[in-house]
N, C-alpha and C. Protein backbone atom coordinates (compact mmCIF):
# COMPACT_ATOMS: atom_id res chain seq x y z
N UNK A 1 0.98 -1.26 -0.12
CA UNK A 1 -0.04 -0.17 0.33
C UNK A 1 0.98 1.31 0.11
N UNK A 2 0.36 2.24 -1.17
CA UNK A 2 1.51 3.59 -0.96
C UNK A 2 0.83 4.16 0.13
N UNK A 3 1.90 5.25 1.04
CA UNK A 3 2.08 5.90 1.84
C UNK A 3 0.75 7.44 1.43
N UNK A 4 0.16 7.09 0.41
CA UNK A 4 -0.65 8.67 0.10
C UNK A 4 -2.04 8.26 -0.14
N UNK A 5 -2.76 9.08 0.69
CA UNK A 5 -4.36 8.78 0.02
C UNK A 5 -4.72 8.36 -1.48
N UNK A 6 -5.51 7.45 -1.63
CA UNK A 6 -5.79 7.14 -2.91
C UNK A 6 -6.59 8.29 -3.60
N UNK A 7 -7.33 9.30 -2.76
CA UNK A 7 -7.66 10.72 -3.63
C UNK A 7 -7.16 11.23 -4.16
N UNK A 8 -5.92 11.33 -3.77
CA UNK A 8 -4.67 12.31 -4.65
C UNK A 8 -4.77 11.57 -6.11
N UNK A 9 -5.51 10.07 -6.14
CA UNK A 9 -5.37 10.10 -8.13
C UNK A 9 -6.53 11.14 -8.84
N UNK A 10 -7.62 11.72 -7.89
CA UNK A 10 -8.36 12.44 -8.19
C UNK A 10 -7.74 13.53 -8.58
N UNK A 11 -6.86 14.11 -7.81
CA UNK A 11 -6.44 15.42 -8.32
C UNK A 11 -5.22 15.50 -9.38
N UNK A 12 -4.58 14.36 -9.47
CA UNK A 12 -3.73 13.65 -10.52
C UNK A 12 -4.06 13.92 -11.93
N UNK A 13 -5.66 13.38 -11.89
CA UNK A 13 -6.06 13.02 -12.90
C UNK A 13 -6.81 14.21 -13.28
N UNK A 14 -7.16 15.07 -12.64
CA UNK A 14 -7.84 16.73 -12.92
C UNK A 14 -6.77 17.34 -13.15
N UNK A 15 -5.34 17.10 -13.02
CA UNK A 15 -4.15 17.87 -13.29
C UNK A 15 -3.59 17.34 -14.80
N UNK A 16 -3.78 15.84 -14.63
CA UNK A 16 -3.68 15.73 -15.83
C UNK A 16 -4.73 16.26 -17.81
N UNK A 17 -5.82 15.71 -16.72
CA UNK A 17 -7.10 16.56 -18.01
C UNK A 17 -6.56 18.30 -18.38
N UNK A 18 -6.39 18.85 -17.44
CA UNK A 18 -5.99 20.39 -17.74
C UNK A 18 -5.15 20.07 -18.57
N UNK A 19 -3.80 19.55 -18.15
CA UNK A 19 -2.67 19.32 -19.43
C UNK A 19 -2.89 19.04 -20.74
N UNK A 20 -3.43 18.12 -20.94
CA UNK A 20 -4.11 17.52 -22.37
C UNK A 20 -5.08 18.34 -22.71
N UNK A 21 -5.93 18.99 -22.00
CA UNK A 21 -6.70 20.11 -23.05
C UNK A 21 -5.70 21.37 -23.33
N UNK A 22 -4.36 21.40 -22.36
CA UNK A 22 -4.10 22.59 -22.99
C UNK A 22 -3.48 22.46 -24.10
N UNK A 23 -2.90 20.59 -24.24
CA UNK A 23 -2.21 20.38 -25.52
C UNK A 23 -2.91 20.39 -26.56
N UNK A 24 -4.40 20.18 -26.48
CA UNK A 24 -5.54 19.87 -27.95
C UNK A 24 -5.76 21.17 -28.23
N UNK A 25 -5.70 22.39 -26.92
CA UNK A 25 -5.65 23.64 -27.78
C UNK A 25 -4.51 24.34 -28.34
N UNK A 26 -3.05 24.07 -27.89
CA UNK A 26 -1.87 24.58 -28.91
C UNK A 26 -2.14 24.02 -30.29
N UNK A 27 -2.71 22.20 -30.41
CA UNK A 27 -3.08 21.72 -31.37
C UNK A 27 -4.11 22.24 -32.26
N UNK A 28 -4.94 22.46 -31.91
CA UNK A 28 -6.01 23.35 -32.42
C UNK A 28 -5.47 24.76 -33.13
N UNK A 29 -4.49 25.73 -32.50
CA UNK A 29 -4.44 26.82 -32.87
C UNK A 29 -2.96 26.83 -33.56
N UNK A 30 -2.36 25.90 -33.55
CA UNK A 30 -0.85 26.04 -33.58
C UNK A 30 -0.51 24.44 -33.77
N UNK A 31 -0.62 24.00 -35.02
CA UNK A 31 -0.21 22.43 -35.11
C UNK A 31 1.14 22.09 -35.23
N UNK A 32 1.92 23.00 -35.73
CA UNK A 32 3.42 22.65 -35.91
C UNK A 32 3.84 23.18 -34.40
N UNK A 33 3.73 23.98 -33.39
CA UNK A 33 3.67 23.80 -32.10
C UNK A 33 3.48 22.63 -31.09
N UNK A 34 2.52 22.66 -31.37
CA UNK A 34 1.88 21.14 -31.03
C UNK A 34 2.89 20.09 -31.17
N UNK A 35 3.13 19.58 -32.46
CA UNK A 35 4.02 18.97 -32.83
C UNK A 35 5.26 19.19 -32.21
N UNK A 36 5.98 20.06 -32.16
CA UNK A 36 7.02 20.28 -31.19
C UNK A 36 6.92 20.02 -29.81
N UNK A 37 5.90 20.56 -29.40
CA UNK A 37 5.85 19.77 -28.10
C UNK A 37 6.06 18.98 -27.49
N UNK A 38 5.05 17.95 -28.44
CA UNK A 38 5.04 16.46 -28.11
C UNK A 38 5.73 15.82 -28.59
N UNK A 39 6.74 16.34 -29.80
CA UNK A 39 7.57 15.15 -30.16
C UNK A 39 7.08 14.40 -31.21
N UNK A 40 5.73 14.51 -31.41
CA UNK A 40 4.75 13.75 -32.12
C UNK A 40 5.71 14.00 -34.04
N UNK A 41 5.28 13.31 -34.89
CA UNK A 41 5.79 13.44 -36.30
C UNK A 41 5.06 12.74 -37.35
N UNK A 42 4.53 14.20 -38.65
CA UNK A 42 3.36 13.86 -39.31
C UNK A 42 3.48 12.79 -39.69
N UNK A 43 4.44 11.84 -40.35
CA UNK A 43 4.69 10.83 -40.87
C UNK A 43 4.01 9.87 -39.91
N UNK A 44 4.34 9.52 -38.88
CA UNK A 44 3.85 8.57 -37.78
C UNK A 44 2.30 8.31 -37.35
N UNK A 45 1.61 9.52 -38.09
CA UNK A 45 0.25 9.77 -37.47
C UNK A 45 -0.88 8.54 -37.93
N UNK A 46 -0.72 7.64 -39.00
CA UNK A 46 -1.29 6.83 -39.05
C UNK A 46 -1.17 5.88 -37.79
N UNK A 47 -0.01 5.58 -37.43
CA UNK A 47 0.04 4.41 -36.37
C UNK A 47 -0.19 4.99 -34.89
N UNK A 48 0.45 6.02 -34.59
CA UNK A 48 -0.37 6.94 -33.54
C UNK A 48 -1.70 6.90 -33.58
N UNK A 49 -2.56 6.92 -34.69
CA UNK A 49 -3.91 6.90 -34.46
C UNK A 49 -4.22 5.59 -34.41
N UNK A 50 -3.67 4.18 -35.29
CA UNK A 50 -4.05 3.01 -34.49
C UNK A 50 -4.06 2.51 -33.23
N UNK A 51 -2.68 3.29 -32.25
CA UNK A 51 -2.87 3.23 -31.25
C UNK A 51 -4.13 3.94 -30.36
N UNK A 52 -4.26 4.73 -30.60
CA UNK A 52 -5.44 5.78 -30.36
C UNK A 52 -6.95 4.86 -30.18
N UNK A 53 -6.99 4.51 -31.29
CA UNK A 53 -8.50 3.53 -31.54
C UNK A 53 -8.30 2.44 -30.64
N UNK A 54 -6.92 1.43 -30.72
CA UNK A 54 -7.18 0.22 -29.69
C UNK A 54 -6.92 1.03 -28.47
N UNK A 55 -6.73 2.35 -27.84
CA UNK A 55 -7.05 2.71 -26.72
C UNK A 55 -8.29 2.83 -26.20
N UNK A 56 -9.17 3.37 -27.25
CA UNK A 56 -10.47 3.49 -27.25
C UNK A 56 -11.17 2.10 -27.05
N UNK A 57 -10.66 1.17 -27.64
CA UNK A 57 -11.51 -0.36 -27.38
C UNK A 57 -11.34 -0.40 -25.55
N UNK A 58 -10.00 -0.65 -25.17
CA UNK A 58 -9.71 -0.51 -23.89
C UNK A 58 -10.66 -0.41 -22.85
N UNK A 59 -10.92 1.30 -23.41
CA UNK A 59 -11.81 1.94 -22.31
C UNK A 59 -13.05 1.48 -22.75
N UNK A 60 -13.93 1.42 -23.72
CA UNK A 60 -14.73 1.04 -23.88
C UNK A 60 -15.45 -0.30 -23.85
N UNK A 61 -14.52 -1.70 -23.81
CA UNK A 61 -14.70 -2.76 -23.28
C UNK A 61 -14.62 -2.91 -21.64
N UNK A 62 -13.51 -2.13 -21.35
CA UNK A 62 -13.35 -2.22 -20.00
C UNK A 62 -13.96 -1.65 -19.19
N UNK A 63 -14.49 -0.72 -19.35
CA UNK A 63 -15.91 0.09 -18.14
C UNK A 63 -17.01 -0.67 -18.84
N UNK A 64 -17.35 -1.37 -19.94
CA UNK A 64 -18.51 -2.23 -20.06
C UNK A 64 -18.44 -3.49 -19.03
N UNK A 65 -17.19 -3.81 -18.99
CA UNK A 65 -16.76 -5.09 -18.04
C UNK A 65 -17.22 -4.64 -16.75
N UNK A 66 -16.75 -3.65 -16.55
CA UNK A 66 -16.29 -3.73 -14.99
C UNK A 66 -16.83 -2.17 -14.17
N UNK A 67 -17.49 -1.66 -15.10
CA UNK A 67 -18.27 0.10 -14.49
C UNK A 67 -19.50 -0.06 -14.43
N UNK A 68 -20.18 1.28 -14.11
CA UNK A 68 -21.60 1.16 -14.24
C UNK A 68 -22.11 1.51 -15.20
N UNK A 69 -23.51 1.65 -15.49
CA UNK A 69 -24.13 1.75 -16.43
C UNK A 69 -23.93 3.53 -17.04
N UNK A 70 -24.17 4.20 -15.52
CA UNK A 70 -23.32 5.74 -16.16
C UNK A 70 -22.14 5.96 -16.35
N UNK A 71 -21.38 5.35 -15.95
CA UNK A 71 -20.01 5.39 -16.56
C UNK A 71 -19.97 4.83 -17.92
N UNK A 72 -20.58 3.95 -18.05
CA UNK A 72 -20.74 3.57 -19.53
C UNK A 72 -21.28 4.57 -20.81
N UNK A 73 -22.49 5.24 -20.13
CA UNK A 73 -22.86 6.55 -20.64
C UNK A 73 -22.11 7.54 -20.94
N UNK A 74 -20.98 7.68 -19.85
CA UNK A 74 -20.15 8.76 -19.99
C UNK A 74 -18.98 8.38 -21.02
N UNK A 75 -18.94 7.59 -21.09
CA UNK A 75 -17.74 6.84 -21.78
C UNK A 75 -17.77 7.01 -23.25
N UNK A 76 -19.28 6.49 -23.75
CA UNK A 76 -19.64 6.53 -25.18
C UNK A 76 -20.18 8.01 -25.35
N UNK A 77 -20.58 8.95 -24.83
CA UNK A 77 -20.75 9.90 -24.80
C UNK A 77 -19.66 10.91 -25.10
N UNK A 78 -18.62 10.26 -24.82
CA UNK A 78 -16.92 11.37 -24.72
C UNK A 78 -16.66 10.90 -26.16
N UNK A 79 -16.86 9.56 -26.38
CA UNK A 79 -16.66 8.78 -28.07
C UNK A 79 -17.62 9.63 -29.13
N UNK A 80 -18.54 9.72 -29.06
CA UNK A 80 -19.33 10.02 -29.52
C UNK A 80 -18.93 11.99 -29.84
N UNK A 81 -18.27 12.68 -28.85
CA UNK A 81 -18.09 13.76 -29.05
C UNK A 81 -16.78 13.81 -29.80
N UNK A 82 -15.82 12.40 -29.66
CA UNK A 82 -14.72 12.38 -30.58
C UNK A 82 -15.07 12.55 -32.25
N UNK A 83 -16.17 11.77 -32.12
CA UNK A 83 -16.74 11.32 -33.61
C UNK A 83 -17.31 12.63 -34.09
N UNK A 84 -17.95 13.28 -33.30
CA UNK A 84 -18.73 14.47 -34.22
C UNK A 84 -17.72 15.87 -34.10
N UNK A 85 -16.54 15.81 -33.57
CA UNK A 85 -15.19 16.70 -33.27
C UNK A 85 -14.90 16.58 -34.66
N UNK A 86 -14.58 14.88 -35.10
CA UNK A 86 -13.76 14.65 -36.57
C UNK A 86 -14.56 15.15 -37.41
N UNK A 87 -16.15 14.69 -37.96
CA UNK A 87 -16.93 15.02 -38.37
C UNK A 87 -17.28 16.68 -38.63
N UNK A 88 -17.31 17.54 -38.02
CA UNK A 88 -17.17 18.84 -37.80
C UNK A 88 -15.53 19.21 -38.78
N UNK A 89 -14.66 18.77 -38.47
CA UNK A 89 -13.35 19.00 -39.07
C UNK A 89 -13.20 18.46 -40.41
N UNK A 90 -14.05 17.36 -41.01
CA UNK A 90 -14.26 17.11 -42.33
C UNK A 90 -14.98 17.72 -43.09
N UNK A 91 -16.05 18.17 -42.31
CA UNK A 91 -17.16 19.29 -42.66
C UNK A 91 -16.35 20.54 -43.58
N UNK A 92 -15.72 21.00 -42.55
CA UNK A 92 -14.93 22.20 -42.82
C UNK A 92 -13.72 21.97 -44.00
N UNK A 93 -13.44 20.78 -44.23
CA UNK A 93 -12.87 20.33 -45.30
C UNK A 93 -13.21 19.86 -46.27
N UNK A 94 -14.27 20.03 -46.30
CA UNK A 94 -15.57 19.72 -47.60
C UNK A 94 -15.54 18.52 -47.96
N UNK A 95 -15.48 17.22 -46.89
CA UNK A 95 -14.92 15.97 -47.13
C UNK A 95 -16.15 15.24 -46.62
N UNK A 96 -16.28 13.91 -47.02
CA UNK A 96 -17.32 12.94 -46.22
C UNK A 96 -16.85 13.10 -44.79
N UNK A 97 -18.61 13.09 -44.29
CA UNK A 97 -18.78 13.34 -42.67
C UNK A 97 -19.39 11.94 -42.43
N UNK A 98 -20.04 11.60 -43.29
CA UNK A 98 -20.73 10.64 -42.78
C UNK A 98 -20.77 9.24 -41.86
N UNK A 99 -19.18 8.83 -42.39
CA UNK A 99 -19.04 7.71 -41.34
C UNK A 99 -18.59 7.84 -39.78
N UNK A 100 -18.29 9.79 -40.08
CA UNK A 100 -18.14 9.71 -38.65
C UNK A 100 -19.17 10.25 -37.53
N UNK A 101 -20.26 10.72 -38.79
CA UNK A 101 -21.74 11.21 -37.97
C UNK A 101 -22.36 9.41 -37.76
N UNK A 102 -22.23 8.68 -38.47
CA UNK A 102 -22.65 7.68 -37.67
C UNK A 102 -22.01 7.15 -36.68
N UNK A 103 -20.92 7.13 -36.35
CA UNK A 103 -20.44 6.92 -35.25
C UNK A 103 -20.60 7.25 -34.18
N UNK A 104 -20.68 8.83 -34.22
CA UNK A 104 -21.07 9.71 -33.29
C UNK A 104 -22.70 8.79 -32.70
N UNK A 105 -23.59 9.09 -33.85
CA UNK A 105 -24.94 8.78 -33.50
C UNK A 105 -25.16 7.04 -32.97
N UNK A 106 -23.95 6.28 -33.26
CA UNK A 106 -24.24 5.09 -32.77
C UNK A 106 -23.53 4.79 -31.34
N UNK A 107 -22.88 5.89 -31.09
CA UNK A 107 -22.46 5.86 -29.69
C UNK A 107 -23.07 6.57 -28.70
N UNK A 108 -24.09 7.72 -29.33
CA UNK A 108 -25.04 8.54 -28.38
C UNK A 108 -26.00 7.15 -28.35
N UNK A 109 -26.36 6.26 -28.92
CA UNK A 109 -27.58 5.48 -28.86
C UNK A 109 -27.10 4.38 -27.93
N UNK A 110 -25.76 3.87 -27.68
CA UNK A 110 -25.22 3.30 -26.59
C UNK A 110 -25.40 3.91 -25.32
N UNK A 111 -25.21 4.74 -25.08
CA UNK A 111 -25.26 6.05 -24.45
C UNK A 111 -26.63 6.21 -23.52
N UNK A 112 -27.43 6.15 -24.40
CA UNK A 112 -29.01 6.26 -24.39
C UNK A 112 -29.58 5.43 -23.47
N UNK A 113 -29.28 4.22 -24.32
CA UNK A 113 -29.71 2.72 -23.58
C UNK A 113 -29.03 2.44 -22.24
N UNK A 114 -27.78 2.99 -22.10
CA UNK A 114 -27.40 2.82 -20.99
C UNK A 114 -28.35 3.06 -19.64
N UNK A 115 -28.34 4.24 -20.09
CA UNK A 115 -29.27 5.80 -19.20
C UNK A 115 -30.37 5.36 -19.05
N UNK A 116 -31.23 5.39 -19.95
CA UNK A 116 -32.74 5.01 -20.34
C UNK A 116 -33.01 3.28 -20.59
N UNK A 117 -32.54 2.70 -20.38
CA UNK A 117 -32.81 0.94 -20.88
C UNK A 117 -33.51 0.89 -19.38
N UNK A 118 -34.04 -0.54 -19.42
CA UNK A 118 -34.58 -1.26 -18.39
C UNK A 118 -33.58 -2.03 -17.77
N UNK A 119 -33.45 -2.06 -16.33
CA UNK A 119 -32.72 -2.63 -15.73
C UNK A 119 -33.07 -3.84 -14.81
């Protein structure tokens, strides 16, 4: 057992969230600076994206198997947000948005069933 209260994990998670939000903001406003800060390289983005998708699998399946229905709904609303964000990016680029919209709607459906389905 560690000699620190477990509740510290909450504060560390919030600090991590703030840091990730700042990184996201930097990438939105200045992608070049975001790449420099994170040491990512554009040519590696397809592999990086694969890792992100595998991570989303772990989150979705992990919460489905170990979490509550409220946590499941929260995770899937977050996944819907990712899908709708991507759809907005592609809409601005005047490219196809249907796959991302479908993913977002599907994720919202999972969240809705988790919250409103019969128990």
